[in-house]
N, C-alpha and C. Protein backbone atom coordinates (compact mmCIF):
# COMPACT_ATOMS: atom_id res chain seq x y z
N MET A 1 -53.46 -11.77 -34.61
CA MET A 1 -53.02 -10.42 -34.92
C MET A 1 -52.95 -9.57 -33.66
N GLY A 2 -53.91 -9.73 -32.74
CA GLY A 2 -53.92 -8.96 -31.52
C GLY A 2 -52.75 -9.31 -30.63
N THR A 3 -52.33 -10.58 -30.58
CA THR A 3 -51.20 -11.01 -29.76
C THR A 3 -49.90 -10.43 -30.30
N ARG A 4 -49.74 -10.46 -31.62
CA ARG A 4 -48.52 -9.92 -32.22
C ARG A 4 -48.38 -8.43 -31.93
N SER A 5 -49.48 -7.71 -31.99
CA SER A 5 -49.46 -6.28 -31.74
C SER A 5 -49.11 -5.98 -30.28
N SER A 6 -49.68 -6.74 -29.34
CA SER A 6 -49.38 -6.50 -27.93
C SER A 6 -47.96 -6.92 -27.59
N ASP A 7 -47.47 -7.99 -28.24
CA ASP A 7 -46.08 -8.43 -28.03
C ASP A 7 -45.11 -7.37 -28.55
N THR A 8 -45.41 -6.82 -29.71
CA THR A 8 -44.58 -5.76 -30.28
C THR A 8 -44.62 -4.52 -29.39
N HIS A 9 -45.79 -4.19 -28.89
CA HIS A 9 -45.92 -3.04 -27.99
C HIS A 9 -45.10 -3.26 -26.71
N PHE A 10 -45.15 -4.47 -26.17
CA PHE A 10 -44.39 -4.79 -24.97
C PHE A 10 -42.88 -4.61 -25.22
N ARG A 11 -42.39 -5.10 -26.37
CA ARG A 11 -40.97 -4.94 -26.71
C ARG A 11 -40.61 -3.47 -26.88
N PHE A 12 -41.51 -2.71 -27.50
CA PHE A 12 -41.27 -1.28 -27.69
C PHE A 12 -41.16 -0.57 -26.34
N VAL A 13 -42.08 -0.87 -25.43
CA VAL A 13 -42.05 -0.25 -24.11
C VAL A 13 -40.78 -0.64 -23.37
N ARG A 14 -40.39 -1.90 -23.45
CA ARG A 14 -39.18 -2.37 -22.77
C ARG A 14 -37.94 -1.68 -23.34
N LEU A 15 -37.86 -1.57 -24.66
CA LEU A 15 -36.72 -0.91 -25.30
C LEU A 15 -36.69 0.58 -24.96
N THR A 16 -37.87 1.20 -24.89
CA THR A 16 -37.93 2.62 -24.53
C THR A 16 -37.45 2.83 -23.11
N ARG A 17 -37.88 1.97 -22.19
CA ARG A 17 -37.43 2.09 -20.80
C ARG A 17 -35.92 1.90 -20.70
N PHE A 18 -35.38 0.94 -21.45
CA PHE A 18 -33.94 0.71 -21.44
C PHE A 18 -33.21 1.94 -21.95
N THR A 19 -33.71 2.52 -23.03
CA THR A 19 -33.08 3.71 -23.61
C THR A 19 -33.11 4.88 -22.63
N LEU A 20 -34.24 5.07 -21.95
CA LEU A 20 -34.34 6.15 -20.97
C LEU A 20 -33.41 5.92 -19.78
N ALA A 21 -33.32 4.67 -19.32
CA ALA A 21 -32.44 4.37 -18.19
C ALA A 21 -30.98 4.61 -18.58
N LEU A 22 -30.60 4.19 -19.78
CA LEU A 22 -29.23 4.39 -20.25
C LEU A 22 -28.91 5.87 -20.39
N SER A 23 -29.85 6.64 -20.93
CA SER A 23 -29.59 8.07 -21.10
C SER A 23 -29.49 8.78 -19.75
N SER A 24 -30.25 8.33 -18.75
CA SER A 24 -30.15 8.98 -17.43
C SER A 24 -28.80 8.68 -16.79
N LEU A 25 -28.24 7.51 -17.04
CA LEU A 25 -26.91 7.21 -16.51
C LEU A 25 -25.85 8.08 -17.17
N VAL A 26 -26.01 8.34 -18.45
CA VAL A 26 -25.04 9.15 -19.18
C VAL A 26 -25.10 10.60 -18.72
N LEU A 27 -26.30 11.09 -18.38
CA LEU A 27 -26.46 12.50 -18.06
C LEU A 27 -26.14 12.85 -16.61
N VAL A 28 -25.95 11.84 -15.76
CA VAL A 28 -25.63 12.13 -14.36
C VAL A 28 -24.28 12.82 -14.31
N SER A 29 -24.24 13.98 -13.68
CA SER A 29 -22.98 14.72 -13.62
C SER A 29 -22.09 14.15 -12.53
N ASP A 30 -20.81 14.34 -12.72
CA ASP A 30 -19.85 13.87 -11.73
C ASP A 30 -19.55 15.00 -10.76
N LEU A 31 -20.26 14.98 -9.65
CA LEU A 31 -20.08 16.01 -8.64
C LEU A 31 -19.06 15.52 -7.63
N GLY A 32 -17.86 16.06 -7.71
CA GLY A 32 -16.82 15.66 -6.79
C GLY A 32 -16.94 16.41 -5.48
N GLY A 33 -16.33 15.86 -4.44
CA GLY A 33 -16.34 16.52 -3.15
C GLY A 33 -15.40 17.72 -3.14
N GLN A 34 -15.56 18.58 -2.18
CA GLN A 34 -14.71 19.75 -2.03
C GLN A 34 -13.30 19.30 -1.66
N VAL A 35 -12.31 19.76 -2.39
CA VAL A 35 -10.93 19.42 -2.08
C VAL A 35 -10.29 20.59 -1.34
N PRO A 36 -9.29 20.31 -0.52
CA PRO A 36 -8.58 21.39 0.18
C PRO A 36 -7.86 22.29 -0.83
N LEU A 37 -7.63 23.53 -0.44
CA LEU A 37 -6.99 24.51 -1.31
C LEU A 37 -5.62 24.04 -1.77
N ASP A 38 -4.78 23.52 -0.86
CA ASP A 38 -3.44 23.11 -1.28
C ASP A 38 -3.49 22.00 -2.32
N SER A 39 -4.45 21.08 -2.22
CA SER A 39 -4.58 20.02 -3.23
C SER A 39 -5.02 20.60 -4.57
N ALA A 40 -5.96 21.54 -4.53
CA ALA A 40 -6.44 22.16 -5.76
C ALA A 40 -5.33 22.95 -6.45
N VAL A 41 -4.53 23.66 -5.68
CA VAL A 41 -3.45 24.46 -6.25
C VAL A 41 -2.37 23.56 -6.85
N LYS A 42 -2.07 22.46 -6.19
CA LYS A 42 -1.01 21.57 -6.67
C LYS A 42 -1.39 20.83 -7.95
N THR A 43 -2.67 20.79 -8.30
CA THR A 43 -3.08 20.15 -9.56
C THR A 43 -2.95 21.06 -10.76
N LEU A 44 -2.68 22.35 -10.52
CA LEU A 44 -2.56 23.30 -11.63
C LEU A 44 -1.29 23.04 -12.43
N LYS A 45 -1.40 23.26 -13.74
CA LYS A 45 -0.27 23.04 -14.64
C LYS A 45 0.13 24.37 -15.29
N PRO A 46 1.42 24.54 -15.56
CA PRO A 46 1.86 25.75 -16.25
C PRO A 46 1.14 25.90 -17.60
N GLY A 47 0.72 27.12 -17.90
CA GLY A 47 0.04 27.40 -19.16
C GLY A 47 -1.48 27.38 -19.06
N GLU A 48 -2.03 26.81 -17.98
CA GLU A 48 -3.48 26.80 -17.83
C GLU A 48 -3.97 28.21 -17.52
N THR A 49 -5.15 28.54 -18.02
CA THR A 49 -5.76 29.83 -17.70
C THR A 49 -6.61 29.65 -16.45
N VAL A 50 -6.36 30.51 -15.46
CA VAL A 50 -7.08 30.42 -14.20
C VAL A 50 -7.84 31.71 -13.95
N LEU A 51 -8.93 31.58 -13.21
CA LEU A 51 -9.69 32.73 -12.74
C LEU A 51 -9.74 32.60 -11.23
N ILE A 52 -9.22 33.61 -10.55
CA ILE A 52 -9.11 33.57 -9.09
C ILE A 52 -9.92 34.72 -8.53
N ARG A 53 -10.75 34.42 -7.56
CA ARG A 53 -11.43 35.46 -6.78
C ARG A 53 -10.76 35.48 -5.42
N VAL A 54 -10.26 36.64 -5.06
CA VAL A 54 -9.55 36.77 -3.79
C VAL A 54 -10.41 37.57 -2.82
N SER A 55 -9.98 37.60 -1.57
CA SER A 55 -10.70 38.35 -0.54
C SER A 55 -10.93 39.77 -1.02
N GLY A 56 -12.13 40.27 -0.81
CA GLY A 56 -12.47 41.62 -1.27
C GLY A 56 -13.12 41.60 -2.64
N ASP A 57 -13.44 40.45 -3.16
CA ASP A 57 -14.11 40.26 -4.44
C ASP A 57 -13.30 40.74 -5.65
N ASP A 58 -11.98 40.80 -5.53
CA ASP A 58 -11.15 41.10 -6.69
C ASP A 58 -11.04 39.85 -7.55
N ARG A 59 -10.98 40.06 -8.86
CA ARG A 59 -10.87 38.96 -9.82
C ARG A 59 -9.53 39.04 -10.54
N ILE A 60 -8.89 37.90 -10.68
CA ILE A 60 -7.64 37.83 -11.44
C ILE A 60 -7.80 36.71 -12.45
N GLU A 61 -7.65 37.05 -13.73
CA GLU A 61 -7.66 36.03 -14.79
C GLU A 61 -6.32 36.10 -15.48
N SER A 62 -5.60 34.97 -15.48
CA SER A 62 -4.26 34.94 -16.04
C SER A 62 -3.84 33.51 -16.33
N ARG A 63 -2.67 33.38 -16.95
CA ARG A 63 -2.10 32.05 -17.20
C ARG A 63 -1.15 31.68 -16.07
N MET A 64 -1.18 30.42 -15.71
CA MET A 64 -0.31 29.89 -14.66
C MET A 64 1.12 29.81 -15.17
N ILE A 65 2.07 30.22 -14.34
CA ILE A 65 3.48 30.02 -14.64
C ILE A 65 4.00 28.87 -13.79
N SER A 66 3.76 28.98 -12.46
CA SER A 66 4.20 27.91 -11.55
C SER A 66 3.50 28.05 -10.21
N VAL A 67 3.65 27.01 -9.39
CA VAL A 67 3.12 27.01 -8.03
C VAL A 67 4.29 27.18 -7.07
N GLN A 68 4.16 28.13 -6.17
CA GLN A 68 5.17 28.35 -5.13
C GLN A 68 4.76 27.52 -3.92
N THR A 69 5.70 26.73 -3.35
CA THR A 69 5.34 25.84 -2.25
C THR A 69 5.41 26.48 -0.88
N GLU A 70 6.40 27.32 -0.61
CA GLU A 70 6.56 27.94 0.72
C GLU A 70 6.71 29.45 0.59
N PRO A 71 5.83 30.25 1.04
CA PRO A 71 4.45 29.95 1.37
C PRO A 71 3.67 29.64 0.09
N LEU A 72 2.59 28.88 0.23
CA LEU A 72 1.82 28.43 -0.93
C LEU A 72 1.27 29.63 -1.69
N GLY A 73 1.58 29.67 -2.98
CA GLY A 73 1.14 30.78 -3.82
C GLY A 73 1.19 30.41 -5.29
N LEU A 74 0.69 31.30 -6.12
CA LEU A 74 0.63 31.08 -7.56
C LEU A 74 1.39 32.17 -8.29
N HIS A 75 2.31 31.77 -9.15
CA HIS A 75 2.99 32.72 -10.03
C HIS A 75 2.18 32.78 -11.31
N LEU A 76 1.70 33.98 -11.64
CA LEU A 76 0.85 34.18 -12.80
C LEU A 76 1.53 35.06 -13.83
N SER A 77 1.17 34.88 -15.06
CA SER A 77 1.72 35.67 -16.15
C SER A 77 1.37 37.15 -15.95
N GLY A 78 2.35 38.01 -16.03
CA GLY A 78 2.15 39.45 -15.91
C GLY A 78 2.11 39.97 -14.49
N ALA A 79 2.21 39.09 -13.50
CA ALA A 79 2.19 39.54 -12.10
C ALA A 79 3.61 39.64 -11.57
N SER A 80 3.88 40.66 -10.77
CA SER A 80 5.24 40.84 -10.24
C SER A 80 5.49 39.95 -9.03
N ALA A 81 4.43 39.60 -8.30
CA ALA A 81 4.59 38.76 -7.11
C ALA A 81 3.59 37.61 -7.17
N ALA A 82 3.87 36.58 -6.40
CA ALA A 82 2.97 35.42 -6.35
C ALA A 82 1.69 35.80 -5.61
N VAL A 83 0.58 35.22 -6.06
CA VAL A 83 -0.71 35.42 -5.37
C VAL A 83 -0.73 34.47 -4.18
N ASP A 84 -0.95 35.03 -2.99
CA ASP A 84 -0.99 34.23 -1.77
C ASP A 84 -2.20 33.30 -1.81
N ALA A 85 -1.98 32.00 -1.68
CA ALA A 85 -3.06 31.02 -1.74
C ALA A 85 -4.06 31.22 -0.60
N GLY A 86 -3.62 31.72 0.52
CA GLY A 86 -4.52 31.94 1.64
C GLY A 86 -5.58 32.99 1.38
N ALA A 87 -5.35 33.86 0.41
CA ALA A 87 -6.31 34.91 0.08
C ALA A 87 -7.33 34.47 -0.97
N ILE A 88 -7.18 33.26 -1.51
CA ILE A 88 -8.06 32.79 -2.57
C ILE A 88 -9.41 32.36 -2.00
N ASP A 89 -10.49 32.95 -2.54
CA ASP A 89 -11.85 32.55 -2.17
C ASP A 89 -12.38 31.48 -3.13
N SER A 90 -12.05 31.60 -4.41
CA SER A 90 -12.42 30.56 -5.37
C SER A 90 -11.38 30.49 -6.47
N LEU A 91 -11.22 29.30 -6.99
CA LEU A 91 -10.23 29.03 -8.03
C LEU A 91 -10.91 28.28 -9.16
N TRP A 92 -10.85 28.84 -10.35
CA TRP A 92 -11.47 28.26 -11.54
C TRP A 92 -10.39 28.02 -12.58
N VAL A 93 -10.54 26.97 -13.38
CA VAL A 93 -9.61 26.66 -14.47
C VAL A 93 -10.42 26.56 -15.76
N ARG A 94 -9.91 27.22 -16.81
CA ARG A 94 -10.63 27.16 -18.09
C ARG A 94 -10.26 25.88 -18.82
N GLY A 95 -11.30 25.19 -19.25
CA GLY A 95 -11.13 23.97 -20.02
C GLY A 95 -12.07 24.00 -21.22
N ARG A 96 -12.47 22.84 -21.64
CA ARG A 96 -13.38 22.72 -22.79
C ARG A 96 -14.59 21.89 -22.38
N ALA A 97 -15.70 22.07 -23.06
CA ALA A 97 -16.95 21.37 -22.76
C ALA A 97 -17.07 20.06 -23.55
N THR A 98 -15.96 19.37 -23.73
CA THR A 98 -15.94 18.15 -24.52
C THR A 98 -16.81 17.06 -23.89
N ARG A 99 -16.69 16.86 -22.59
CA ARG A 99 -17.45 15.80 -21.91
C ARG A 99 -18.96 16.05 -22.03
N GLY A 100 -19.39 17.27 -21.77
CA GLY A 100 -20.81 17.60 -21.87
C GLY A 100 -21.32 17.46 -23.30
N GLY A 101 -20.52 17.89 -24.27
CA GLY A 101 -20.91 17.75 -25.67
C GLY A 101 -21.04 16.30 -26.08
N THR A 102 -20.15 15.46 -25.55
CA THR A 102 -20.21 14.03 -25.85
C THR A 102 -21.50 13.42 -25.32
N LYS A 103 -21.85 13.75 -24.08
CA LYS A 103 -23.07 13.20 -23.47
C LYS A 103 -24.31 13.66 -24.21
N ILE A 104 -24.39 14.96 -24.48
CA ILE A 104 -25.57 15.49 -25.16
C ILE A 104 -25.68 14.91 -26.57
N GLY A 105 -24.56 14.84 -27.28
CA GLY A 105 -24.57 14.29 -28.63
C GLY A 105 -24.99 12.83 -28.66
N ALA A 106 -24.55 12.05 -27.68
CA ALA A 106 -24.92 10.63 -27.62
C ALA A 106 -26.42 10.47 -27.40
N VAL A 107 -26.97 11.24 -26.48
CA VAL A 107 -28.41 11.13 -26.19
C VAL A 107 -29.23 11.59 -27.39
N VAL A 108 -28.88 12.72 -27.97
CA VAL A 108 -29.65 13.25 -29.10
C VAL A 108 -29.53 12.34 -30.31
N GLY A 109 -28.29 11.92 -30.63
CA GLY A 109 -28.09 11.04 -31.78
C GLY A 109 -28.79 9.70 -31.61
N GLY A 110 -28.69 9.12 -30.43
CA GLY A 110 -29.35 7.84 -30.17
C GLY A 110 -30.85 7.95 -30.25
N ALA A 111 -31.40 9.02 -29.67
CA ALA A 111 -32.86 9.20 -29.69
C ALA A 111 -33.37 9.44 -31.11
N LEU A 112 -32.65 10.26 -31.87
CA LEU A 112 -33.09 10.55 -33.24
C LEU A 112 -33.09 9.30 -34.11
N LEU A 113 -32.01 8.52 -34.04
CA LEU A 113 -31.98 7.33 -34.87
C LEU A 113 -32.91 6.24 -34.35
N PHE A 114 -33.19 6.23 -33.05
CA PHE A 114 -34.19 5.30 -32.52
C PHE A 114 -35.56 5.64 -33.11
N LEU A 115 -35.92 6.92 -33.07
CA LEU A 115 -37.21 7.34 -33.62
C LEU A 115 -37.28 7.10 -35.13
N PHE A 116 -36.21 7.42 -35.84
CA PHE A 116 -36.17 7.18 -37.28
C PHE A 116 -36.30 5.70 -37.58
N GLY A 117 -35.54 4.87 -36.87
CA GLY A 117 -35.60 3.42 -37.09
C GLY A 117 -36.97 2.85 -36.78
N ALA A 118 -37.59 3.31 -35.68
CA ALA A 118 -38.92 2.81 -35.33
C ALA A 118 -39.95 3.22 -36.38
N ALA A 119 -39.88 4.47 -36.85
CA ALA A 119 -40.82 4.94 -37.87
C ALA A 119 -40.61 4.19 -39.19
N TRP A 120 -39.37 4.00 -39.56
CA TRP A 120 -39.05 3.31 -40.81
C TRP A 120 -39.51 1.85 -40.76
N CYS A 121 -39.23 1.19 -39.65
CA CYS A 121 -39.63 -0.20 -39.48
C CYS A 121 -41.15 -0.34 -39.51
N THR A 122 -41.85 0.56 -38.85
CA THR A 122 -43.31 0.52 -38.82
C THR A 122 -43.89 0.77 -40.20
N ALA A 123 -43.30 1.70 -40.95
CA ALA A 123 -43.78 2.01 -42.29
C ALA A 123 -43.55 0.83 -43.24
N LEU A 124 -42.41 0.18 -43.15
CA LEU A 124 -42.10 -0.94 -44.04
C LEU A 124 -42.96 -2.17 -43.74
N ASN A 125 -43.33 -2.35 -42.51
CA ASN A 125 -44.10 -3.52 -42.12
C ASN A 125 -45.58 -3.22 -41.92
N GLU A 126 -46.06 -2.19 -42.57
CA GLU A 126 -47.48 -1.84 -42.59
C GLU A 126 -48.08 -1.66 -41.19
N GLY A 127 -47.40 -0.92 -40.35
CA GLY A 127 -47.94 -0.56 -39.05
C GLY A 127 -47.46 -1.39 -37.88
N ILE A 128 -46.77 -2.50 -38.12
CA ILE A 128 -46.31 -3.35 -37.02
C ILE A 128 -44.82 -3.63 -37.24
N CYS A 129 -44.00 -3.11 -36.36
CA CYS A 129 -42.55 -3.32 -36.47
C CYS A 129 -42.18 -4.63 -35.78
N ASP A 130 -41.44 -5.47 -36.50
CA ASP A 130 -40.97 -6.72 -35.89
C ASP A 130 -39.44 -6.81 -35.96
N GLN A 131 -38.78 -5.67 -36.13
CA GLN A 131 -37.33 -5.62 -36.26
C GLN A 131 -36.72 -4.73 -35.17
N TRP A 132 -37.12 -4.91 -33.91
CA TRP A 132 -36.65 -4.04 -32.84
C TRP A 132 -35.15 -4.18 -32.58
N GLY A 133 -34.59 -5.33 -32.89
CA GLY A 133 -33.14 -5.48 -32.75
C GLY A 133 -32.40 -4.54 -33.69
N LEU A 134 -32.90 -4.43 -34.92
CA LEU A 134 -32.30 -3.53 -35.90
C LEU A 134 -32.48 -2.07 -35.48
N VAL A 135 -33.65 -1.76 -34.93
CA VAL A 135 -33.89 -0.40 -34.43
C VAL A 135 -32.91 -0.09 -33.30
N GLY A 136 -32.64 -1.07 -32.44
CA GLY A 136 -31.66 -0.89 -31.36
C GLY A 136 -30.26 -0.63 -31.90
N VAL A 137 -29.91 -1.34 -32.98
CA VAL A 137 -28.60 -1.12 -33.60
C VAL A 137 -28.51 0.30 -34.15
N TYR A 138 -29.59 0.77 -34.78
CA TYR A 138 -29.61 2.15 -35.26
C TYR A 138 -29.39 3.13 -34.11
N SER A 139 -30.01 2.84 -32.97
CA SER A 139 -29.87 3.73 -31.81
C SER A 139 -28.43 3.79 -31.33
N VAL A 140 -27.77 2.64 -31.29
CA VAL A 140 -26.37 2.59 -30.84
C VAL A 140 -25.48 3.33 -31.82
N VAL A 141 -25.70 3.13 -33.11
CA VAL A 141 -24.91 3.84 -34.13
C VAL A 141 -25.16 5.34 -34.02
N GLY A 142 -26.41 5.74 -33.82
CA GLY A 142 -26.74 7.15 -33.66
C GLY A 142 -26.09 7.75 -32.44
N ALA A 143 -26.08 6.98 -31.32
CA ALA A 143 -25.45 7.48 -30.10
C ALA A 143 -23.95 7.66 -30.30
N GLY A 144 -23.30 6.71 -30.96
CA GLY A 144 -21.86 6.82 -31.21
C GLY A 144 -21.53 7.99 -32.12
N THR A 145 -22.28 8.13 -33.19
CA THR A 145 -22.06 9.24 -34.11
C THR A 145 -22.34 10.58 -33.44
N GLY A 146 -23.43 10.63 -32.69
CA GLY A 146 -23.77 11.86 -31.97
C GLY A 146 -22.71 12.23 -30.94
N ALA A 147 -22.16 11.20 -30.26
CA ALA A 147 -21.11 11.46 -29.27
C ALA A 147 -19.88 12.06 -29.93
N LEU A 148 -19.49 11.53 -31.09
CA LEU A 148 -18.33 12.08 -31.80
C LEU A 148 -18.57 13.53 -32.24
N ILE A 149 -19.73 13.79 -32.80
CA ILE A 149 -20.04 15.15 -33.24
C ILE A 149 -20.12 16.09 -32.03
N GLY A 150 -20.79 15.63 -30.96
CA GLY A 150 -20.91 16.44 -29.75
C GLY A 150 -19.56 16.74 -29.12
N ALA A 151 -18.65 15.75 -29.13
CA ALA A 151 -17.32 15.97 -28.57
C ALA A 151 -16.57 17.02 -29.39
N GLY A 152 -16.72 16.96 -30.71
CA GLY A 152 -16.08 17.96 -31.57
C GLY A 152 -16.59 19.36 -31.32
N ILE A 153 -17.90 19.48 -31.20
CA ILE A 153 -18.49 20.80 -30.94
C ILE A 153 -18.13 21.27 -29.53
N GLY A 154 -18.23 20.37 -28.54
CA GLY A 154 -17.90 20.72 -27.16
C GLY A 154 -16.45 21.13 -27.00
N GLY A 155 -15.56 20.54 -27.81
CA GLY A 155 -14.14 20.90 -27.75
C GLY A 155 -13.88 22.33 -28.19
N LEU A 156 -14.82 22.93 -28.89
CA LEU A 156 -14.68 24.32 -29.34
C LEU A 156 -15.23 25.32 -28.32
N VAL A 157 -15.95 24.82 -27.32
CA VAL A 157 -16.63 25.70 -26.36
C VAL A 157 -15.82 25.79 -25.07
N PRO A 158 -15.35 27.00 -24.70
CA PRO A 158 -14.63 27.14 -23.43
C PRO A 158 -15.58 27.00 -22.25
N ARG A 159 -15.06 26.43 -21.16
CA ARG A 159 -15.89 26.20 -19.97
C ARG A 159 -15.01 26.36 -18.73
N TRP A 160 -15.51 27.07 -17.73
CA TRP A 160 -14.79 27.25 -16.48
C TRP A 160 -15.15 26.11 -15.54
N GLN A 161 -14.13 25.50 -14.93
CA GLN A 161 -14.33 24.42 -13.97
C GLN A 161 -13.88 24.89 -12.60
N LEU A 162 -14.77 24.78 -11.63
CA LEU A 162 -14.46 25.18 -10.26
C LEU A 162 -13.56 24.13 -9.62
N ARG A 163 -12.40 24.55 -9.13
CA ARG A 163 -11.49 23.63 -8.44
C ARG A 163 -11.52 23.81 -6.93
N PHE A 164 -11.82 25.05 -6.49
CA PHE A 164 -11.85 25.31 -5.05
C PHE A 164 -12.79 26.47 -4.79
N ALA A 165 -13.58 26.36 -3.72
CA ALA A 165 -14.42 27.46 -3.25
C ALA A 165 -14.40 27.47 -1.74
N ARG A 166 -14.06 28.62 -1.19
CA ARG A 166 -14.05 28.76 0.27
C ARG A 166 -15.49 28.98 0.73
N ILE A 167 -15.88 28.21 1.71
CA ILE A 167 -17.23 28.33 2.25
C ILE A 167 -17.22 29.45 3.29
N LYS A 168 -18.10 30.43 3.05
CA LYS A 168 -18.19 31.57 3.98
C LYS A 168 -19.46 31.40 4.80
N TRP A 169 -19.31 31.56 6.10
CA TRP A 169 -20.48 31.43 7.00
C TRP A 169 -21.01 32.77 7.38
């Protein structure tokens, strides 16, 4: 009886470590390197909502119409002239928090069903769970379901993404 309990404990610890390692990989953010202003401007698409901070701390929030190539500038909805790209201190684009919602939902859903499965297995087997494979399946199903729900919720949440920031010394 003592060997079975320690073997079960060892599997539980191993599965817990695996779950924690997997969740840390999912939560690592994708921090991209700083891109040049002209590259950031050329990735903009008509209809996107942008937030621009220009020299002098002025803020412009508007929809993109087009990118002017010579001299590099942005045509914005409601503006009479193009915004000179050289005056841009930071450029933000409004998107959705779908990726973050997916990650958070996967971790929360996986953890909840892992805990539920472990508790259920332990209760059914009178204190000793011997169905860790099934508990793992519950965790994967929970992570998938949580990811879908999180993506749906995150898709409803607006989020500003930094595309360019001028470094001031």
